[in-house]
Amino acid sequence: MILEASNVTKRYGAQTILQSLSLQLDRGQSLALLGPSGSGKTTLLSLLGLLMAPSSGEIRLLGQLTGNLKDSDLSLLRNRHIGIVFQSAQLIGPLTVWENVLLPAHLAGKSEEKRSRAGELLESLRLSGRINHRPHQLSYGQKRRVALARALLMEPSLLLADEPTNDLDPLTAKKVTELLLDWTQRGGALVVATHDRELARSADRRFVIEEGRLVEAEPAKVAGKEREEVAAS
């Protein structure tokens, strides 16, 4: 089992954002999170990515209980086993595209052995001509693709993606979807928060966050739910 969340609740003051959520994800599995903006999708990804601690409940990564780990140990787990694509890309401004993608390998002392993979990822995402550009020279969609290449560089056990196809042209969005699903076919696990109907329907399981709780959605109902989400966003 790659990921297991048990009775996870997240509160901010008196407000409960997520309540008693439980899910399991094994190798080769993908899960799509649906729901309107503000429903808690990004908060859940942050919890699963060990970027914040739940108010109650447990999260295990590769069988290891994470609640009592030091920040340094959590950082090591993330670097070795988790890839994260944020909505805002969160690239490092002074670094080039190439340097941003290689950053996780640099932190792990594996820059040289990951150079070839970095090149392959950037080529597959149509970014080969941008490797010497800095983030301020990129479009929003290009930044998102750089973030995806960075997240996949270390071949993580768990990939978390927040709206990875948002603001992409149809051809690039299709390529990003293929890369995400290819990762699960290679044995990785994927959790993606999305309003993209096609991406959601491609996942093995789909959940809607309703009033802080996870409700599993049937594939045939995803299209209708997507229209509701867009109207509510």
Protein backbone atom coordinates (compact mmCIF):
# COMPACT_ATOMS: atom_id res chain seq x y z
CA MET A 1 0.00 0.00 0.00
CA ILE A 2 1.46 3.37 -1.02
CA LEU A 3 -0.95 5.67 0.77
CA GLU A 4 -3.47 5.19 3.54
CA ALA A 5 -5.47 7.96 5.21
CA SER A 6 -7.66 6.99 8.16
CA ASN A 7 -10.35 9.25 9.66
CA VAL A 8 -8.51 12.40 8.65
CA THR A 9 -10.06 15.68 9.80
CA LYS A 10 -8.73 19.19 9.18
CA ARG A 11 -9.95 22.23 11.11
CA TYR A 12 -9.01 25.88 10.96
CA GLY A 13 -10.15 27.37 14.22
CA ALA A 14 -13.82 26.53 14.64
CA GLN A 15 -14.26 25.69 10.94
CA THR A 16 -14.04 22.06 9.82
CA ILE A 17 -12.74 21.85 6.25
CA LEU A 18 -12.44 18.06 5.93
CA GLN A 19 -14.14 15.54 8.16
CA SER A 20 -13.30 11.90 8.88
CA LEU A 21 -11.87 11.13 5.44
CA SER A 22 -10.44 7.69 4.71
CA LEU A 23 -8.87 6.38 1.52
CA GLN A 24 -6.32 3.85 0.33
CA LEU A 25 -4.17 3.93 -2.77
CA ASP A 26 -1.92 1.16 -4.02
CA ARG A 27 0.66 0.97 -6.79
CA GLY A 28 -0.75 1.57 -10.25
CA GLN A 29 -3.94 3.21 -8.98
CA SER A 30 -5.32 6.67 -9.75
CA LEU A 31 -7.90 8.74 -7.91
CA ALA A 32 -9.61 11.95 -9.05
CA LEU A 33 -10.94 14.55 -6.60
CA LEU A 34 -13.90 16.60 -7.78
CA GLY A 35 -15.83 19.42 -6.22
CA PRO A 36 -16.27 23.19 -6.55
CA SER A 37 -13.51 25.63 -5.71
CA GLY A 38 -13.21 25.97 -1.94
CA SER A 39 -14.51 22.48 -1.20
CA GLY A 40 -11.20 21.29 0.26
CA LYS A 41 -9.46 19.54 -2.66
CA THR A 42 -6.22 21.50 -2.31
CA THR A 43 -6.27 21.07 1.47
CA LEU A 44 -6.58 17.31 1.06
CA LEU A 45 -3.68 17.21 -1.41
CA SER A 46 -1.56 19.20 1.05
CA LEU A 47 -2.36 16.71 3.80
CA LEU A 48 -1.58 13.70 1.60
CA GLY A 49 1.64 15.40 0.48
CA LEU A 50 2.73 15.81 4.12
CA LEU A 51 2.82 19.59 3.73
CA MET A 52 0.47 20.05 6.67
CA ALA A 53 -0.68 17.88 9.54
CA PRO A 54 -4.28 16.74 10.04
CA SER A 55 -6.17 17.96 13.11
CA SER A 56 -6.94 14.32 13.81
CA GLY A 57 -6.57 10.98 12.07
CA GLU A 58 -3.59 9.20 10.55
CA ILE A 59 -1.72 9.24 7.24
CA ARG A 60 0.64 6.42 6.29
CA LEU A 61 3.03 6.56 3.36
CA LEU A 62 4.49 3.22 2.25
CA GLY A 63 3.32 1.78 5.57
CA GLN A 64 5.07 4.43 7.68
CA LEU A 65 2.99 6.47 10.11
CA THR A 66 3.83 10.12 9.45
CA GLY A 67 2.15 11.99 12.30
CA ASN A 68 5.08 11.92 14.71
CA LEU A 69 7.90 12.51 12.23
CA LYS A 70 10.23 15.51 12.48
CA ASP A 71 10.10 18.16 9.76
CA SER A 72 13.46 16.96 8.43
CA ASP A 73 12.16 13.39 8.13
CA LEU A 74 9.00 14.60 6.39
CA SER A 75 11.10 16.58 3.92
CA LEU A 76 13.16 13.49 3.18
CA LEU A 77 10.02 11.41 2.58
CA ARG A 78 8.62 14.02 0.21
CA ASN A 79 11.85 14.27 -1.76
CA ARG A 80 12.20 10.52 -2.14
CA HIS A 81 8.62 9.38 -2.57
CA ILE A 82 6.21 12.24 -3.37
CA GLY A 83 5.89 14.44 -6.45
CA ILE A 84 3.61 17.49 -6.18
CA VAL A 85 2.22 19.76 -8.89
CA PHE A 86 0.73 22.90 -7.34
CA GLN A 87 -1.82 25.13 -9.07
CA SER A 88 0.59 28.05 -8.84
CA ALA A 89 3.55 25.97 -10.16
CA GLN A 90 5.80 27.40 -7.40
CA LEU A 91 8.92 27.60 -9.54
CA ILE A 92 12.06 29.27 -8.20
CA GLY A 93 12.31 32.66 -9.92
CA PRO A 94 16.11 33.04 -10.28
CA LEU A 95 16.51 29.50 -11.65
CA THR A 96 16.14 28.47 -15.29
CA VAL A 97 13.63 25.87 -16.42
CA TRP A 98 16.41 23.29 -16.50
CA GLU A 99 17.56 24.18 -12.99
CA ASN A 100 14.00 24.15 -11.62
CA VAL A 101 13.35 20.67 -13.01
CA LEU A 102 16.64 19.31 -11.67
CA LEU A 103 16.21 20.88 -8.23
CA PRO A 104 14.87 17.73 -6.47
CA ALA A 105 17.79 15.71 -7.85
CA HIS A 106 20.21 18.40 -6.75
CA LEU A 107 18.81 18.29 -3.21
CA ALA A 108 19.16 14.49 -3.22
CA GLY A 109 22.70 14.59 -4.62
CA LYS A 110 21.62 12.89 -7.87
CA SER A 111 21.84 15.69 -10.43
CA GLU A 112 24.09 13.87 -12.89
CA GLU A 113 22.14 10.63 -12.99
CA LYS A 114 18.84 12.48 -13.53
CA ARG A 115 19.96 14.77 -16.36
CA SER A 116 18.84 12.37 -19.06
CA ARG A 117 15.40 11.93 -17.50
CA ALA A 118 15.01 15.69 -17.14
CA GLY A 119 15.70 16.09 -20.85
CA GLU A 120 13.18 13.39 -21.76
CA LEU A 121 10.46 14.94 -19.61
CA LEU A 122 11.00 18.43 -20.98
CA GLU A 123 10.93 17.13 -24.55
CA SER A 124 7.73 15.15 -23.98
CA LEU A 125 6.10 18.29 -22.53
CA ARG A 126 7.18 20.43 -25.50
CA LEU A 127 9.57 22.51 -23.40
CA SER A 128 12.92 21.68 -24.98
CA GLY A 129 13.17 25.19 -26.42
CA ARG A 130 12.60 26.80 -23.03
CA ILE A 131 15.27 25.17 -20.86
CA ASN A 132 17.27 28.38 -20.44
CA HIS A 133 14.22 30.55 -19.78
CA ARG A 134 13.31 31.75 -16.30
CA PRO A 135 9.79 31.54 -14.85
CA HIS A 136 8.90 35.17 -15.64
CA GLN A 137 9.54 34.42 -19.33
CA LEU A 138 7.02 31.56 -19.40
CA SER A 139 3.28 31.43 -19.90
CA TYR A 140 1.08 30.10 -17.13
CA GLY A 141 0.65 26.80 -18.97
CA GLN A 142 4.39 26.45 -19.54
CA LYS A 143 5.04 26.98 -15.84
CA ARG A 144 2.54 24.23 -15.05
CA ARG A 145 4.34 21.83 -17.38
CA VAL A 146 7.72 22.65 -15.84
CA ALA A 147 6.23 21.88 -12.42
CA LEU A 148 4.98 18.52 -13.73
CA ALA A 149 8.42 17.63 -15.11
CA ARG A 150 9.96 18.52 -11.75
CA ALA A 151 7.40 16.40 -9.90
CA LEU A 152 8.08 13.36 -12.09
CA LEU A 153 11.88 13.69 -12.12
CA MET A 154 12.57 11.53 -9.06
CA GLU A 155 10.05 8.87 -10.15
CA PRO A 156 7.94 9.24 -6.99
CA SER A 157 5.80 6.51 -5.50
CA LEU A 158 2.98 9.03 -5.10
CA LEU A 159 2.13 11.86 -7.50
CA LEU A 160 -0.24 14.62 -6.37
CA ALA A 161 -1.52 17.09 -8.96
CA ASP A 162 -3.75 20.13 -8.42
CA GLU A 163 -5.59 21.11 -11.63
CA PRO A 164 -2.67 19.97 -13.86
CA THR A 165 -4.50 20.55 -17.16
CA ASN A 166 -6.02 23.93 -16.28
CA ASP A 167 -5.25 26.70 -18.82
CA LEU A 168 -3.60 24.30 -21.26
CA ASP A 169 -4.47 23.99 -24.94
CA PRO A 170 -6.24 20.70 -25.86
CA LEU A 171 -3.14 19.07 -27.36
CA THR A 172 -0.94 19.84 -24.36
CA ALA A 173 -3.69 18.90 -21.91
CA LYS A 174 -3.96 15.52 -23.62
CA LYS A 175 -0.19 15.03 -23.37
CA VAL A 176 -0.21 15.92 -19.67
CA THR A 177 -3.07 13.47 -19.07
CA GLU A 178 -1.14 10.74 -20.88
CA LEU A 179 1.97 11.41 -18.76
CA LEU A 180 -0.03 11.23 -15.54
CA LEU A 181 -1.73 7.97 -16.47
CA ASP A 182 1.50 6.52 -17.85
CA TRP A 183 3.00 7.05 -14.42
CA THR A 184 0.36 4.81 -12.84
CA GLN A 185 1.01 2.17 -15.50
CA ARG A 186 4.65 2.22 -14.41
CA GLY A 187 3.64 1.46 -10.83
CA GLY A 188 3.13 4.90 -9.33
CA ALA A 189 0.01 6.10 -7.54
CA LEU A 190 -1.83 9.28 -8.56
CA VAL A 191 -4.22 11.65 -6.80
CA VAL A 192 -5.42 14.51 -8.97
CA ALA A 193 -7.77 17.39 -8.14
CA THR A 194 -9.45 18.47 -11.36
CA HIS A 195 -12.36 20.05 -13.14
CA ASP A 196 -11.23 18.31 -16.36
CA ARG A 197 -13.96 15.82 -17.23
CA GLU A 198 -11.76 13.65 -19.46
CA LEU A 199 -8.97 13.45 -16.91
CA ALA A 200 -11.43 12.58 -14.13
CA ARG A 201 -13.08 9.86 -16.19
CA SER A 202 -9.66 8.34 -16.93
CA ALA A 203 -8.94 7.78 -13.23
CA ASP A 204 -9.67 4.43 -11.60
CA ARG A 205 -11.84 6.05 -8.92
CA ARG A 206 -13.53 9.43 -8.57
CA PHE A 207 -14.56 11.19 -5.37
CA VAL A 208 -16.53 14.36 -4.82
CA ILE A 209 -15.88 16.40 -1.68
CA GLU A 210 -19.27 17.35 -0.30
CA GLU A 211 -19.51 19.27 2.98
CA GLY A 212 -16.05 18.09 3.94
CA ARG A 213 -16.66 14.40 3.24
CA LEU A 214 -15.59 12.11 0.41
CA VAL A 215 -18.39 10.68 -1.69
CA GLU A 216 -17.50 8.24 -4.46
CA ALA A 217 -18.88 9.18 -7.89
CA GLU A 218 -19.91 6.74 -10.59
CA PRO A 219 -18.12 7.20 -13.96
CA ALA A 220 -21.37 7.87 -15.80
CA LYS A 221 -22.20 10.73 -13.43
CA VAL A 222 -18.89 12.55 -13.73
CA ALA A 223 -19.95 14.58 -16.77
CA GLY A 224 -22.99 15.95 -15.00
CA LYS A 225 -21.05 16.64 -11.82
CA GLU A 226 -18.42 18.50 -13.85
CA ARG A 227 -21.05 20.88 -15.20
CA GLU A 228 -22.27 21.55 -11.66
CA GLU A 229 -18.73 22.28 -10.48
CA VAL A 230 -18.02 24.71 -13.27
CA ALA A 231 -21.25 26.56 -12.54
CA ALA A 232 -20.37 26.75 -8.85
CA SER A 233 -16.72 27.80 -9.34
